[in-house]
Amino acid sequence: QGKVLGADIVKIAVRAASREDLLR
């Protein structure tokens, strides 16, 4: 989606509620 819109770089910031979230 970011590239379609024309972003030069895409940044993804999410919250990890568990170790599994982080590893994924």
mmCIF file of all heavy atoms, coordinates in Angstrom:
data_MODEL
# 
_entry.id   MODEL 
# 
loop_
_atom_site.group_PDB 
_atom_site.id 
_atom_site.type_symbol 
_atom_site.label_atom_id 
_atom_site.label_alt_id 
_atom_site.label_comp_id 
_atom_site.label_asym_id 
_atom_site.label_entity_id 
_atom_site.label_seq_id 
_atom_site.pdbx_PDB_ins_code 
_atom_site.Cartn_x 
_atom_site.Cartn_y 
_atom_site.Cartn_z 
_atom_site.occupancy 
_atom_site.B_iso_or_equiv 
_atom_site.pdbx_formal_charge 
_atom_site.auth_seq_id 
_atom_site.auth_comp_id 
_atom_site.auth_asym_id 
_atom_site.auth_atom_id 
_atom_site.pdbx_PDB_model_num 
ATOM 1   N N   . GLN A 1 1  ? 0.833  -1.210  0.000  1.00 0.00 ? 1  GLN A N   1 
ATOM 2   C CA  . GLN A 1 1  ? 0.000  0.000   0.000  1.00 0.00 ? 1  GLN A CA  1 
ATOM 3   C C   . GLN A 1 1  ? 0.867  1.258   0.000  1.00 0.00 ? 1  GLN A C   1 
ATOM 4   O O   . GLN A 1 1  ? 0.608  2.211   -0.732 1.00 0.00 ? 1  GLN A O   1 
ATOM 5   C CB  . GLN A 1 1  ? -0.924 -0.002  1.212  1.00 0.00 ? 1  GLN A CB  1 
ATOM 6   C CG  . GLN A 1 1  ? -1.853 1.184   1.251  1.00 0.00 ? 1  GLN A CG  1 
ATOM 7   C CD  . GLN A 1 1  ? -2.720 1.197   2.498  1.00 0.00 ? 1  GLN A CD  1 
ATOM 8   O OE1 . GLN A 1 1  ? -2.515 0.439   3.428  1.00 0.00 ? 1  GLN A OE1 1 
ATOM 9   N NE2 . GLN A 1 1  ? -3.680 2.101   2.517  1.00 0.00 ? 1  GLN A NE2 1 
ATOM 10  N N   . GLY A 1 2  ? 1.930  1.252   0.822  1.00 0.00 ? 2  GLY A N   1 
ATOM 11  C CA  . GLY A 1 2  ? 2.823  2.401   0.873  1.00 0.00 ? 2  GLY A CA  1 
ATOM 12  C C   . GLY A 1 2  ? 3.484  2.686   -0.461 1.00 0.00 ? 2  GLY A C   1 
ATOM 13  O O   . GLY A 1 2  ? 3.570  3.841   -0.896 1.00 0.00 ? 2  GLY A O   1 
ATOM 14  N N   . LYS A 1 3  ? 3.932  1.644   -1.131 1.00 0.00 ? 3  LYS A N   1 
ATOM 15  C CA  . LYS A 1 3  ? 4.599  1.827   -2.424 1.00 0.00 ? 3  LYS A CA  1 
ATOM 16  C C   . LYS A 1 3  ? 3.613  2.295   -3.498 1.00 0.00 ? 3  LYS A C   1 
ATOM 17  O O   . LYS A 1 3  ? 3.940  3.136   -4.328 1.00 0.00 ? 3  LYS A O   1 
ATOM 18  C CB  . LYS A 1 3  ? 5.298  0.529   -2.857 1.00 0.00 ? 3  LYS A CB  1 
ATOM 19  C CG  . LYS A 1 3  ? 6.491  0.172   -1.994 1.00 0.00 ? 3  LYS A CG  1 
ATOM 20  C CD  . LYS A 1 3  ? 7.545  1.273   -1.991 1.00 0.00 ? 3  LYS A CD  1 
ATOM 21  C CE  . LYS A 1 3  ? 8.705  0.909   -1.090 1.00 0.00 ? 3  LYS A CE  1 
ATOM 22  N NZ  . LYS A 1 3  ? 9.762  1.906   -1.082 1.00 0.00 ? 3  LYS A NZ  1 
ATOM 23  N N   . VAL A 1 4  ? 2.377  1.740   -3.471 1.00 0.00 ? 4  VAL A N   1 
ATOM 24  C CA  . VAL A 1 4  ? 1.357  2.180   -4.433 1.00 0.00 ? 4  VAL A CA  1 
ATOM 25  C C   . VAL A 1 4  ? 1.084  3.674   -4.276 1.00 0.00 ? 4  VAL A C   1 
ATOM 26  O O   . VAL A 1 4  ? 0.919  4.402   -5.253 1.00 0.00 ? 4  VAL A O   1 
ATOM 27  C CB  . VAL A 1 4  ? 0.046  1.358   -4.252 1.00 0.00 ? 4  VAL A CB  1 
ATOM 28  C CG1 . VAL A 1 4  ? -1.130 2.022   -4.958 1.00 0.00 ? 4  VAL A CG1 1 
ATOM 29  C CG2 . VAL A 1 4  ? 0.244  -0.055  -4.765 1.00 0.00 ? 4  VAL A CG2 1 
ATOM 30  N N   . LEU A 1 5  ? 1.078  4.149   -3.027 1.00 0.00 ? 5  LEU A N   1 
ATOM 31  C CA  . LEU A 1 5  ? 0.829  5.569   -2.767 1.00 0.00 ? 5  LEU A CA  1 
ATOM 32  C C   . LEU A 1 5  ? 2.034  6.454   -3.089 1.00 0.00 ? 5  LEU A C   1 
ATOM 33  O O   . LEU A 1 5  ? 1.918  7.669   -3.145 1.00 0.00 ? 5  LEU A O   1 
ATOM 34  C CB  . LEU A 1 5  ? 0.430  5.769   -1.309 1.00 0.00 ? 5  LEU A CB  1 
ATOM 35  C CG  . LEU A 1 5  ? -0.963 5.262   -0.939 1.00 0.00 ? 5  LEU A CG  1 
ATOM 36  C CD1 . LEU A 1 5  ? -1.163 5.312   0.569  1.00 0.00 ? 5  LEU A CD1 1 
ATOM 37  C CD2 . LEU A 1 5  ? -2.026 6.086   -1.649 1.00 0.00 ? 5  LEU A CD2 1 
ATOM 38  N N   . GLY A 1 6  ? 3.207  5.834   -3.268 1.00 0.00 ? 6  GLY A N   1 
ATOM 39  C CA  . GLY A 1 6  ? 4.390  6.599   -3.634 1.00 0.00 ? 6  GLY A CA  1 
ATOM 40  C C   . GLY A 1 6  ? 5.388  6.833   -2.518 1.00 0.00 ? 6  GLY A C   1 
ATOM 41  O O   . GLY A 1 6  ? 6.277  7.679   -2.653 1.00 0.00 ? 6  GLY A O   1 
ATOM 42  N N   . ALA A 1 7  ? 5.279  6.088   -1.422 1.00 0.00 ? 7  ALA A N   1 
ATOM 43  C CA  . ALA A 1 7  ? 6.253  6.244   -0.334 1.00 0.00 ? 7  ALA A CA  1 
ATOM 44  C C   . ALA A 1 7  ? 7.634  5.790   -0.804 1.00 0.00 ? 7  ALA A C   1 
ATOM 45  O O   . ALA A 1 7  ? 7.766  4.784   -1.493 1.00 0.00 ? 7  ALA A O   1 
ATOM 46  C CB  . ALA A 1 7  ? 5.825  5.413   0.878  1.00 0.00 ? 7  ALA A CB  1 
ATOM 47  N N   . ASP A 1 8  ? 8.648  6.546   -0.431 1.00 0.00 ? 8  ASP A N   1 
ATOM 48  C CA  . ASP A 1 8  ? 10.025 6.150   -0.733 1.00 0.00 ? 8  ASP A CA  1 
ATOM 49  C C   . ASP A 1 8  ? 10.477 5.055   0.228  1.00 0.00 ? 8  ASP A C   1 
ATOM 50  O O   . ASP A 1 8  ? 11.241 4.168   -0.144 1.00 0.00 ? 8  ASP A O   1 
ATOM 51  C CB  . ASP A 1 8  ? 10.949 7.366   -0.620 1.00 0.00 ? 8  ASP A CB  1 
ATOM 52  C CG  . ASP A 1 8  ? 10.575 8.443   -1.627 1.00 0.00 ? 8  ASP A CG  1 
ATOM 53  O OD1 . ASP A 1 8  ? 10.607 8.150   -2.841 1.00 0.00 ? 8  ASP A OD1 1 
ATOM 54  O OD2 . ASP A 1 8  ? 10.223 9.551   -1.199 1.00 0.00 ? 8  ASP A OD2 1 
ATOM 55  N N   . ILE A 1 9  ? 10.023 5.155   1.457  1.00 0.00 ? 9  ILE A N   1 
ATOM 56  C CA  . ILE A 1 9  ? 10.331 4.186   2.519  1.00 0.00 ? 9  ILE A CA  1 
ATOM 57  C C   . ILE A 1 9  ? 9.029  3.935   3.269  1.00 0.00 ? 9  ILE A C   1 
ATOM 58  O O   . ILE A 1 9  ? 8.233  4.855   3.453  1.00 0.00 ? 9  ILE A O   1 
ATOM 59  C CB  . ILE A 1 9  ? 11.387 4.748   3.491  1.00 0.00 ? 9  ILE A CB  1 
ATOM 60  C CG1 . ILE A 1 9  ? 12.701 5.024   2.759  1.00 0.00 ? 9  ILE A CG1 1 
ATOM 61  C CG2 . ILE A 1 9  ? 11.616 3.798   4.670  1.00 0.00 ? 9  ILE A CG2 1 
ATOM 62  C CD1 . ILE A 1 9  ? 13.708 5.805   3.589  1.00 0.00 ? 9  ILE A CD1 1 
ATOM 63  N N   . VAL A 1 10 ? 8.832  2.700   3.708  1.00 0.00 ? 10 VAL A N   1 
ATOM 64  C CA  . VAL A 1 10 ? 7.656  2.388   4.517  1.00 0.00 ? 10 VAL A CA  1 
ATOM 65  C C   . VAL A 1 10 ? 8.120  2.042   5.924  1.00 0.00 ? 10 VAL A C   1 
ATOM 66  O O   . VAL A 1 10 ? 9.066  1.273   6.112  1.00 0.00 ? 10 VAL A O   1 
ATOM 67  C CB  . VAL A 1 10 ? 6.846  1.213   3.912  1.00 0.00 ? 10 VAL A CB  1 
ATOM 68  C CG1 . VAL A 1 10 ? 5.699  0.808   4.831  1.00 0.00 ? 10 VAL A CG1 1 
ATOM 69  C CG2 . VAL A 1 10 ? 6.321  1.598   2.530  1.00 0.00 ? 10 VAL A CG2 1 
ATOM 70  N N   . LYS A 1 11 ? 7.450  2.651   6.911  1.00 0.00 ? 11 LYS A N   1 
ATOM 71  C CA  . LYS A 1 11 ? 7.744  2.398   8.321  1.00 0.00 ? 11 LYS A CA  1 
ATOM 72  C C   . LYS A 1 11 ? 6.525  1.737   8.945  1.00 0.00 ? 11 LYS A C   1 
ATOM 73  O O   . LYS A 1 11 ? 5.411  2.227   8.795  1.00 0.00 ? 11 LYS A O   1 
ATOM 74  C CB  . LYS A 1 11 ? 8.059  3.699   9.057  1.00 0.00 ? 11 LYS A CB  1 
ATOM 75  C CG  . LYS A 1 11 ? 8.304  3.513   10.546 1.00 0.00 ? 11 LYS A CG  1 
ATOM 76  C CD  . LYS A 1 11 ? 8.664  4.816   11.233 1.00 0.00 ? 11 LYS A CD  1 
ATOM 77  C CE  . LYS A 1 11 ? 7.419  5.617   11.510 1.00 0.00 ? 11 LYS A CE  1 
ATOM 78  N NZ  . LYS A 1 11 ? 7.671  6.841   12.274 1.00 0.00 ? 11 LYS A NZ  1 
ATOM 79  N N   . ILE A 1 12 ? 6.773  0.631   9.651  1.00 0.00 ? 12 ILE A N   1 
ATOM 80  C CA  . ILE A 1 12 ? 5.694  -0.090  10.327 1.00 0.00 ? 12 ILE A CA  1 
ATOM 81  C C   . ILE A 1 12 ? 6.037  -0.167  11.803 1.00 0.00 ? 12 ILE A C   1 
ATOM 82  O O   . ILE A 1 12 ? 7.063  -0.728  12.182 1.00 0.00 ? 12 ILE A O   1 
ATOM 83  C CB  . ILE A 1 12 ? 5.516  -1.501  9.748  1.00 0.00 ? 12 ILE A CB  1 
ATOM 84  C CG1 . ILE A 1 12 ? 5.242  -1.420  8.245  1.00 0.00 ? 12 ILE A CG1 1 
ATOM 85  C CG2 . ILE A 1 12 ? 4.399  -2.249  10.484 1.00 0.00 ? 12 ILE A CG2 1 
ATOM 86  C CD1 . ILE A 1 12 ? 5.244  -2.765  7.549  1.00 0.00 ? 12 ILE A CD1 1 
ATOM 87  N N   . ALA A 1 13 ? 5.173  0.415   12.631 1.00 0.00 ? 13 ALA A N   1 
ATOM 88  C CA  . ALA A 1 13 ? 5.362  0.406   14.081 1.00 0.00 ? 13 ALA A CA  1 
ATOM 89  C C   . ALA A 1 13 ? 4.127  -0.232  14.713 1.00 0.00 ? 13 ALA A C   1 
ATOM 90  O O   . ALA A 1 13 ? 3.014  0.259   14.525 1.00 0.00 ? 13 ALA A O   1 
ATOM 91  C CB  . ALA A 1 13 ? 5.563  1.822   14.613 1.00 0.00 ? 13 ALA A CB  1 
ATOM 92  N N   . VAL A 1 14 ? 4.343  -1.333  15.440 1.00 0.00 ? 14 VAL A N   1 
ATOM 93  C CA  . VAL A 1 14 ? 3.237  -2.072  16.047 1.00 0.00 ? 14 VAL A CA  1 
ATOM 94  C C   . VAL A 1 14 ? 3.557  -2.377  17.506 1.00 0.00 ? 14 VAL A C   1 
ATOM 95  O O   . VAL A 1 14 ? 4.706  -2.272  17.944 1.00 0.00 ? 14 VAL A O   1 
ATOM 96  C CB  . VAL A 1 14 ? 2.962  -3.384  15.276 1.00 0.00 ? 14 VAL A CB  1 
ATOM 97  C CG1 . VAL A 1 14 ? 2.545  -3.095  13.848 1.00 0.00 ? 14 VAL A CG1 1 
ATOM 98  C CG2 . VAL A 1 14 ? 4.172  -4.303  15.309 1.00 0.00 ? 14 VAL A CG2 1 
ATOM 99  N N   . ARG A 1 15 ? 2.543  -2.779  18.258 1.00 0.00 ? 15 ARG A N   1 
ATOM 100 C CA  . ARG A 1 15 ? 2.736  -3.155  19.665 1.00 0.00 ? 15 ARG A CA  1 
ATOM 101 C C   . ARG A 1 15 ? 2.776  -4.668  19.763 1.00 0.00 ? 15 ARG A C   1 
ATOM 102 O O   . ARG A 1 15 ? 1.899  -5.357  19.279 1.00 0.00 ? 15 ARG A O   1 
ATOM 103 C CB  . ARG A 1 15 ? 1.612  -2.632  20.556 1.00 0.00 ? 15 ARG A CB  1 
ATOM 104 C CG  . ARG A 1 15 ? 1.767  -3.115  22.007 1.00 0.00 ? 15 ARG A CG  1 
ATOM 105 C CD  . ARG A 1 15 ? 0.862  -2.404  22.974 1.00 0.00 ? 15 ARG A CD  1 
ATOM 106 N NE  . ARG A 1 15 ? 1.161  -0.990  23.096 1.00 0.00 ? 15 ARG A NE  1 
ATOM 107 C CZ  . ARG A 1 15 ? 2.163  -0.476  23.809 1.00 0.00 ? 15 ARG A CZ  1 
ATOM 108 N NH1 . ARG A 1 15 ? 2.995  -1.255  24.441 1.00 0.00 ? 15 ARG A NH1 1 
ATOM 109 N NH2 . ARG A 1 15 ? 2.334  0.823   23.873 1.00 0.00 ? 15 ARG A NH2 1 
ATOM 110 N N   . ALA A 1 16 ? 3.823  -5.166  20.412 1.00 0.00 ? 16 ALA A N   1 
ATOM 111 C CA  . ALA A 1 16 ? 3.950  -6.599  20.682 1.00 0.00 ? 16 ALA A CA  1 
ATOM 112 C C   . ALA A 1 16 ? 3.381  -6.876  22.070 1.00 0.00 ? 16 ALA A C   1 
ATOM 113 O O   . ALA A 1 16 ? 3.915  -6.402  23.059 1.00 0.00 ? 16 ALA A O   1 
ATOM 114 C CB  . ALA A 1 16 ? 5.408  -7.033  20.618 1.00 0.00 ? 16 ALA A CB  1 
ATOM 115 N N   . ALA A 1 17 ? 2.294  -7.640  22.116 1.00 0.00 ? 17 ALA A N   1 
ATOM 116 C CA  . ALA A 1 17 ? 1.678  -7.987  23.395 1.00 0.00 ? 17 ALA A CA  1 
ATOM 117 C C   . ALA A 1 17 ? 2.292  -9.250  23.986 1.00 0.00 ? 17 ALA A C   1 
ATOM 118 O O   . ALA A 1 17 ? 2.091  -9.544  25.161 1.00 0.00 ? 17 ALA A O   1 
ATOM 119 C CB  . ALA A 1 17 ? 0.173  -8.176  23.213 1.00 0.00 ? 17 ALA A CB  1 
ATOM 120 N N   . SER A 1 18 ? 3.046  -9.975  23.170 1.00 0.00 ? 18 SER A N   1 
ATOM 121 C CA  . SER A 1 18 ? 3.631  -11.236 23.633 1.00 0.00 ? 18 SER A CA  1 
ATOM 122 C C   . SER A 1 18 ? 4.937  -11.502 22.898 1.00 0.00 ? 18 SER A C   1 
ATOM 123 O O   . SER A 1 18 ? 5.244  -10.867 21.886 1.00 0.00 ? 18 SER A O   1 
ATOM 124 C CB  . SER A 1 18 ? 2.667  -12.392 23.363 1.00 0.00 ? 18 SER A CB  1 
ATOM 125 O OG  . SER A 1 18 ? 2.521  -12.581 21.955 1.00 0.00 ? 18 SER A OG  1 
ATOM 126 N N   . ARG A 1 19 ? 5.668  -12.457 23.402 1.00 0.00 ? 19 ARG A N   1 
ATOM 127 C CA  . ARG A 1 19 ? 6.901  -12.892 22.742 1.00 0.00 ? 19 ARG A CA  1 
ATOM 128 C C   . ARG A 1 19 ? 6.582  -13.415 21.341 1.00 0.00 ? 19 ARG A C   1 
ATOM 129 O O   . ARG A 1 19 ? 7.337  -13.200 20.398 1.00 0.00 ? 19 ARG A O   1 
ATOM 130 C CB  . ARG A 1 19 ? 7.576  -13.958 23.592 1.00 0.00 ? 19 ARG A CB  1 
ATOM 131 C CG  . ARG A 1 19 ? 8.829  -14.538 22.999 1.00 0.00 ? 19 ARG A CG  1 
ATOM 132 C CD  . ARG A 1 19 ? 9.430  -15.565 23.963 1.00 0.00 ? 19 ARG A CD  1 
ATOM 133 N NE  . ARG A 1 19 ? 10.390 -16.409 23.318 1.00 0.00 ? 19 ARG A NE  1 
ATOM 134 C CZ  . ARG A 1 19 ? 11.667 -16.108 23.137 1.00 0.00 ? 19 ARG A CZ  1 
ATOM 135 N NH1 . ARG A 1 19 ? 12.117 -14.949 23.584 1.00 0.00 ? 19 ARG A NH1 1 
ATOM 136 N NH2 . ARG A 1 19 ? 12.495 -16.944 22.542 1.00 0.00 ? 19 ARG A NH2 1 
ATOM 137 N N   . GLU A 1 20 ? 5.449  -14.091 21.200 1.00 0.00 ? 20 GLU A N   1 
ATOM 138 C CA  . GLU A 1 20 ? 5.042  -14.625 19.901 1.00 0.00 ? 20 GLU A CA  1 
ATOM 139 C C   . GLU A 1 20 ? 4.816  -13.501 18.891 1.00 0.00 ? 20 GLU A C   1 
ATOM 140 O O   . GLU A 1 20 ? 5.209  -13.627 17.732 1.00 0.00 ? 20 GLU A O   1 
ATOM 141 C CB  . GLU A 1 20 ? 3.780  -15.486 20.037 1.00 0.00 ? 20 GLU A CB  1 
ATOM 142 C CG  . GLU A 1 20 ? 3.991  -16.787 20.769 1.00 0.00 ? 20 GLU A CG  1 
ATOM 143 C CD  . GLU A 1 20 ? 4.158  -16.637 22.287 1.00 0.00 ? 20 GLU A CD  1 
ATOM 144 O OE1 . GLU A 1 20 ? 3.641  -15.649 22.875 1.00 0.00 ? 20 GLU A OE1 1 
ATOM 145 O OE2 . GLU A 1 20 ? 4.847  -17.490 22.881 1.00 0.00 ? 20 GLU A OE2 1 
ATOM 146 N N   . ASP A 1 21 ? 4.181  -12.400 19.344 1.00 0.00 ? 21 ASP A N   1 
ATOM 147 C CA  . ASP A 1 21 ? 4.017  -11.231 18.464 1.00 0.00 ? 21 ASP A CA  1 
ATOM 148 C C   . ASP A 1 21 ? 5.369  -10.733 17.987 1.00 0.00 ? 21 ASP A C   1 
ATOM 149 O O   . ASP A 1 21 ? 5.562  -10.446 16.809 1.00 0.00 ? 21 ASP A O   1 
ATOM 150 C CB  . ASP A 1 21 ? 3.320  -10.083 19.201 1.00 0.00 ? 21 ASP A CB  1 
ATOM 151 C CG  . ASP A 1 21 ? 1.822  -10.235 19.311 1.00 0.00 ? 21 ASP A CG  1 
ATOM 152 O OD1 . ASP A 1 21 ? 1.245  -11.113 18.644 1.00 0.00 ? 21 ASP A OD1 1 
ATOM 153 O OD2 . ASP A 1 21 ? 1.228  -9.446  20.067 1.00 0.00 ? 21 ASP A OD2 1 
ATOM 154 N N   . LEU A 1 22 ? 6.297  -10.608 18.926 1.00 0.00 ? 22 LEU A N   1 
ATOM 155 C CA  . LEU A 1 22 ? 7.624  -10.096 18.589 1.00 0.00 ? 22 LEU A CA  1 
ATOM 156 C C   . LEU A 1 22 ? 8.323  -11.017 17.598 1.00 0.00 ? 22 LEU A C   1 
ATOM 157 O O   . LEU A 1 22 ? 8.856  -10.560 16.589 1.00 0.00 ? 22 LEU A O   1 
ATOM 158 C CB  . LEU A 1 22 ? 8.475  -9.925  19.851 1.00 0.00 ? 22 LEU A CB  1 
ATOM 159 C CG  . LEU A 1 22 ? 9.914  -9.475  19.606 1.00 0.00 ? 22 LEU A CG  1 
ATOM 160 C CD1 . LEU A 1 22 ? 9.951  -8.106  18.931 1.00 0.00 ? 22 LEU A CD1 1 
ATOM 161 C CD2 . LEU A 1 22 ? 10.681 -9.448  20.911 1.00 0.00 ? 22 LEU A CD2 1 
ATOM 162 N N   . LEU A 1 23 ? 8.313  -12.324 17.859 1.00 0.00 ? 23 LEU A N   1 
ATOM 163 C CA  . LEU A 1 23 ? 8.987  -13.277 16.965 1.00 0.00 ? 23 LEU A CA  1 
ATOM 164 C C   . LEU A 1 23 ? 8.349  -13.284 15.577 1.00 0.00 ? 23 LEU A C   1 
ATOM 165 O O   . LEU A 1 23 ? 9.052  -13.320 14.557 1.00 0.00 ? 23 LEU A O   1 
ATOM 166 C CB  . LEU A 1 23 ? 8.972  -14.667 17.574 1.00 0.00 ? 23 LEU A CB  1 
ATOM 167 C CG  . LEU A 1 23 ? 9.803  -14.824 18.843 1.00 0.00 ? 23 LEU A CG  1 
ATOM 168 C CD1 . LEU A 1 23 ? 9.613  -16.215 19.441 1.00 0.00 ? 23 LEU A CD1 1 
ATOM 169 C CD2 . LEU A 1 23 ? 11.271 -14.527 18.594 1.00 0.00 ? 23 LEU A CD2 1 
ATOM 170 N N   . ARG A 1 24 ? 7.043  -13.191 15.521 1.00 0.00 ? 24 ARG A N   1 
ATOM 171 C CA  . ARG A 1 24 ? 6.340  -13.138 14.237 1.00 0.00 ? 24 ARG A CA  1 
ATOM 172 C C   . ARG A 1 24 ? 6.707  -11.865 13.482 1.00 0.00 ? 24 ARG A C   1 
ATOM 173 O O   . ARG A 1 24 ? 6.925  -11.884 12.263 1.00 0.00 ? 24 ARG A O   1 
ATOM 174 C CB  . ARG A 1 24 ? 4.834  -13.225 14.500 1.00 0.00 ? 24 ARG A CB  1 
ATOM 175 C CG  . ARG A 1 24 ? 3.998  -13.430 13.269 1.00 0.00 ? 24 ARG A CG  1 
ATOM 176 C CD  . ARG A 1 24 ? 2.561  -13.802 13.625 1.00 0.00 ? 24 ARG A CD  1 
ATOM 177 N NE  . ARG A 1 24 ? 1.946  -12.910 14.594 1.00 0.00 ? 24 ARG A NE  1 
ATOM 178 C CZ  . ARG A 1 24 ? 1.418  -11.733 14.295 1.00 0.00 ? 24 ARG A CZ  1 
ATOM 179 N NH1 . ARG A 1 24 ? 1.445  -11.283 13.064 1.00 0.00 ? 24 ARG A NH1 1 
ATOM 180 N NH2 . ARG A 1 24 ? 0.862  -10.989 15.228 1.00 0.00 ? 24 ARG A NH2 1 
# 
